[in-house]
Amino acid sequence: MNFSVYLPDPTVSRLSLAAEKRHASKNAIIREALEEWLDHHCPPSSWPPHFFDFQALKETPDFSSYRNDLAPPKEDVF
């Protein structure tokens, strides 16, 4: 995906120098910096994407409704 971002002239100058020193393109440096920033601020989820699309069956009762059928504990565990 391509998109445009405005960068002030001093930032572009620093970016150009950094690209020359690293023998890399400005795009590569921007991409690397953005990926590092995203990893730090928005770490990827360890859950697979289809997990978030899960839809329970409408006829399935809520699991917490079964709590009423449980017997109370016989003794205080604490």
C-alpha atoms as a PDB file:
ATOM      1  CA  MET A   1       0.000   0.000   0.000  1.00  0.00           C
ATOM      2  CA  ASN A   2       1.272   3.435  -0.834  1.00  0.00           C
ATOM      3  CA  PHE A   3       0.362   6.693   0.863  1.00  0.00           C
ATOM      4  CA  SER A   4       1.840  10.129   1.342  1.00  0.00           C
ATOM      5  CA  VAL A   5       3.108  11.651   4.560  1.00  0.00           C
ATOM      6  CA  TYR A   6       4.286  15.220   4.996  1.00  0.00           C
ATOM      7  CA  LEU A   7       7.711  15.508   6.614  1.00  0.00           C
ATOM      8  CA  PRO A   8       9.315  18.848   7.474  1.00  0.00           C
ATOM      9  CA  ASP A   9      12.477  19.726   5.544  1.00  0.00           C
ATOM     10  CA  PRO A  10      14.863  19.218   8.509  1.00  0.00           C
ATOM     11  CA  THR A  11      13.460  15.707   9.026  1.00  0.00           C
ATOM     12  CA  VAL A  12      13.842  14.891   5.325  1.00  0.00           C
ATOM     13  CA  SER A  13      17.466  16.063   5.419  1.00  0.00           C
ATOM     14  CA  ARG A  14      18.237  13.868   8.433  1.00  0.00           C
ATOM     15  CA  LEU A  15      16.449  10.937   6.806  1.00  0.00           C
ATOM     16  CA  SER A  16      18.422  11.355   3.592  1.00  0.00           C
ATOM     17  CA  LEU A  17      21.731  11.371   5.502  1.00  0.00           C
ATOM     18  CA  ALA A  18      20.724   8.293   7.484  1.00  0.00           C
ATOM     19  CA  ALA A  19      19.728   6.485   4.277  1.00  0.00           C
ATOM     20  CA  GLU A  20      23.086   7.278   2.681  1.00  0.00           C
ATOM     21  CA  LYS A  21      25.014   6.062   5.741  1.00  0.00           C
ATOM     22  CA  ARG A  22      23.067   2.784   5.886  1.00  0.00           C
ATOM     23  CA  HIS A  23      23.013   2.281   2.122  1.00  0.00           C
ATOM     24  CA  ALA A  24      19.252   1.905   2.402  1.00  0.00           C
ATOM     25  CA  SER A  25      16.302   3.659   0.860  1.00  0.00           C
ATOM     26  CA  LYS A  26      14.357   6.286   2.756  1.00  0.00           C
ATOM     27  CA  ASN A  27      11.284   4.078   2.365  1.00  0.00           C
ATOM     28  CA  ALA A  28      13.088   1.157   4.026  1.00  0.00           C
ATOM     29  CA  ILE A  29      14.105   3.305   6.996  1.00  0.00           C
ATOM     30  CA  ILE A  30      10.582   4.720   7.394  1.00  0.00           C
ATOM     31  CA  ARG A  31       9.075   1.223   7.137  1.00  0.00           C
ATOM     32  CA  GLU A  32      11.504  -0.143   9.777  1.00  0.00           C
ATOM     33  CA  ALA A  33      10.838   2.779  12.115  1.00  0.00           C
ATOM     34  CA  LEU A  34       7.079   2.405  11.759  1.00  0.00           C
ATOM     35  CA  GLU A  35       7.221  -1.347  12.410  1.00  0.00           C
ATOM     36  CA  GLU A  36       9.314  -0.791  15.559  1.00  0.00           C
ATOM     37  CA  TRP A  37       6.910   1.909  16.767  1.00  0.00           C
ATOM     38  CA  LEU A  38       3.885  -0.327  16.162  1.00  0.00           C
ATOM     39  CA  ASP A  39       5.541  -3.293  17.908  1.00  0.00           C
ATOM     40  CA  HIS A  40       6.164  -1.079  20.938  1.00  0.00           C
ATOM     41  CA  HIS A  41       2.797   0.725  21.040  1.00  0.00           C
ATOM     42  CA  CYS A  42       0.451  -1.853  19.480  1.00  0.00           C
ATOM     43  CA  PRO A  43       1.937  -5.309  19.926  1.00  0.00           C
ATOM     44  CA  PRO A  44       0.378  -7.915  17.661  1.00  0.00           C
ATOM     45  CA  SER A  45      -2.124 -10.194  19.314  1.00  0.00           C
ATOM     46  CA  SER A  46      -1.104 -13.758  20.007  1.00  0.00           C
ATOM     47  CA  TRP A  47      -4.664 -14.866  19.196  1.00  0.00           C
ATOM     48  CA  PRO A  48      -5.346 -15.945  15.609  1.00  0.00           C
ATOM     49  CA  PRO A  49      -7.543 -13.531  13.607  1.00  0.00           C
ATOM     50  CA  HIS A  50     -10.452 -15.988  13.310  1.00  0.00           C
ATOM     51  CA  PHE A  51     -10.733 -16.012  17.116  1.00  0.00           C
ATOM     52  CA  PHE A  52     -12.150 -12.477  17.054  1.00  0.00           C
ATOM     53  CA  ASP A  53     -14.778 -13.445  14.468  1.00  0.00           C
ATOM     54  CA  PHE A  54     -16.306 -16.149  16.664  1.00  0.00           C
ATOM     55  CA  GLN A  55     -20.081 -16.030  16.935  1.00  0.00           C
ATOM     56  CA  ALA A  56     -21.721 -18.281  19.535  1.00  0.00           C
ATOM     57  CA  LEU A  57     -24.825 -20.215  18.596  1.00  0.00           C
ATOM     58  CA  LYS A  58     -27.900 -18.257  19.619  1.00  0.00           C
ATOM     59  CA  GLU A  59     -29.601 -21.312  21.132  1.00  0.00           C
ATOM     60  CA  THR A  60     -26.619 -22.050  23.419  1.00  0.00           C
ATOM     61  CA  PRO A  61     -27.281 -20.812  26.981  1.00  0.00           C
ATOM     62  CA  ASP A  62     -24.733 -18.567  28.638  1.00  0.00           C
ATOM     63  CA  PHE A  63     -22.223 -20.711  30.560  1.00  0.00           C
ATOM     64  CA  SER A  64     -22.716 -18.675  33.739  1.00  0.00           C
ATOM     65  CA  SER A  65     -26.356 -19.831  33.886  1.00  0.00           C
ATOM     66  CA  TYR A  66     -25.070 -23.242  35.038  1.00  0.00           C
ATOM     67  CA  ARG A  67     -23.587 -21.759  38.220  1.00  0.00           C
ATOM     68  CA  ASN A  68     -26.968 -21.970  39.946  1.00  0.00           C
ATOM     69  CA  ASP A  69     -26.792 -25.786  39.665  1.00  0.00           C
ATOM     70  CA  LEU A  70     -23.497 -25.984  41.592  1.00  0.00           C
ATOM     71  CA  ALA A  71     -23.474 -27.030  45.224  1.00  0.00           C
ATOM     72  CA  PRO A  72     -21.902 -24.553  47.623  1.00  0.00           C
ATOM     73  CA  PRO A  73     -18.446 -25.484  48.984  1.00  0.00           C
ATOM     74  CA  LYS A  74     -18.503 -27.693  52.093  1.00  0.00           C
ATOM     75  CA  GLU A  75     -15.842 -25.741  53.947  1.00  0.00           C
ATOM     76  CA  ASP A  76     -14.048 -22.433  53.727  1.00  0.00           C
ATOM     77  CA  VAL A  77     -10.860 -23.013  51.765  1.00  0.00           C
ATOM     78  CA  PHE A  78      -9.200 -19.973  53.331  1.00  0.00           C
END
